[in-house]
Amino acid sequence: MTYYQDLGEEGDLRFAWSNDGTRVVFNDRWNNLWLMGLDGTVRQLAADLSCVDYDSFYDMRLFWSPDNSRLLVLSAGNRAWVLFLTE
């Protein structure tokens, strides 16, 4: 499930918690995708997704696989990515 947080003038934030609640994936307004663990570790999953225009990026939906090993990223422009996550 993708959640939405309105940051006011700073923009919007899309994020999705892993099924086990130990990690969260989120995007920023510079078209980067990030993974954060409960231990405070942060890892960049994708940088400058420039093939996505600014407005479409905030229409992205993020879905975890049942075993939390993959992430499905859907954009408003009918684009999709599957990210395979490793520890």
Protein backbone atom coordinates (compact mmCIF):
# COMPACT_ATOMS: atom_id res chain seq x y z
CA MET A 1 0.00 0.00 0.00
CA THR A 2 1.39 3.40 -0.96
CA TYR A 3 0.88 6.22 1.48
CA TYR A 4 0.95 9.93 0.74
CA GLN A 5 2.31 12.71 2.91
CA ASP A 6 1.69 16.34 1.96
CA LEU A 7 4.77 18.40 2.82
CA GLY A 8 3.18 21.71 1.93
CA GLU A 9 5.42 23.97 -0.14
CA GLU A 10 8.20 21.39 0.00
CA GLY A 11 6.25 18.95 -2.18
CA ASP A 12 4.76 15.52 -1.65
CA LEU A 13 6.19 12.26 -0.43
CA ARG A 14 5.11 8.74 -1.46
CA PHE A 15 6.14 5.88 0.78
CA ALA A 16 5.31 2.24 1.47
CA TRP A 17 6.16 0.13 4.52
CA SER A 18 7.43 -3.41 3.96
CA ASN A 19 5.02 -6.18 4.96
CA ASP A 20 7.09 -7.02 8.04
CA GLY A 21 7.28 -3.35 9.07
CA THR A 22 11.08 -3.21 9.16
CA ARG A 23 11.74 -1.05 6.07
CA VAL A 24 10.14 1.82 4.24
CA VAL A 25 10.68 2.89 0.64
CA PHE A 26 10.06 6.49 -0.41
CA ASN A 27 10.77 8.95 -3.20
CA ASP A 28 11.95 12.55 -3.12
CA ARG A 29 11.22 15.51 -5.37
CA TRP A 30 14.47 15.00 -7.31
CA ASN A 31 13.24 11.66 -8.72
CA ASN A 32 15.31 9.49 -6.38
CA LEU A 33 14.03 6.34 -4.67
CA TRP A 34 15.23 5.48 -1.14
CA LEU A 35 15.06 2.54 1.27
CA MET A 36 15.24 3.11 5.03
CA GLY A 37 15.46 0.50 7.77
CA LEU A 38 14.28 0.79 11.35
CA ASP A 39 17.93 0.80 12.40
CA GLY A 40 18.35 4.15 10.61
CA THR A 41 20.22 2.85 7.57
CA VAL A 42 19.33 4.59 4.30
CA ARG A 43 20.12 3.21 0.85
CA GLN A 44 19.44 4.82 -2.50
CA LEU A 45 17.60 2.42 -4.83
CA ALA A 46 17.33 4.64 -7.91
CA ALA A 47 18.82 7.99 -8.85
CA ASP A 48 17.35 10.69 -11.06
CA LEU A 49 14.56 8.79 -12.72
CA SER A 50 14.61 11.45 -15.43
CA CYS A 51 12.41 9.38 -17.73
CA VAL A 52 9.59 10.34 -15.35
CA ASP A 53 8.36 13.90 -15.51
CA TYR A 54 8.07 15.84 -12.26
CA ASP A 55 4.29 15.62 -11.96
CA SER A 56 4.10 11.92 -12.85
CA PHE A 57 6.67 11.00 -10.24
CA TYR A 58 4.31 12.04 -7.49
CA ASP A 59 1.64 9.77 -8.95
CA MET A 60 3.85 6.72 -8.39
CA ARG A 61 2.57 3.71 -6.49
CA LEU A 62 4.92 1.48 -4.52
CA PHE A 63 4.14 -2.17 -3.75
CA TRP A 64 6.20 -4.74 -1.84
CA SER A 65 6.16 -8.43 -2.78
CA PRO A 66 4.77 -10.74 -0.06
CA ASP A 67 8.28 -11.85 0.97
CA ASN A 68 9.69 -8.25 0.87
CA SER A 69 12.36 -9.24 -1.67
CA ARG A 70 11.02 -7.15 -4.56
CA LEU A 71 9.44 -3.77 -5.04
CA LEU A 72 7.01 -2.86 -7.81
CA VAL A 73 7.08 0.81 -8.83
CA LEU A 74 4.23 2.02 -11.06
CA SER A 75 4.15 5.50 -12.55
CA ALA A 76 1.27 7.48 -13.99
CA GLY A 77 2.88 7.35 -17.43
CA ASN A 78 2.25 3.58 -17.75
CA ARG A 79 5.82 2.78 -16.75
CA ALA A 80 6.75 0.07 -14.28
CA TRP A 81 9.92 -1.16 -12.61
CA VAL A 82 10.60 -4.21 -10.46
CA LEU A 83 13.46 -3.75 -8.05
CA PHE A 84 15.10 -6.82 -6.53
CA LEU A 85 16.19 -5.96 -3.02
CA THR A 86 19.17 -7.61 -1.39
CA GLU A 87 20.37 -7.20 2.16
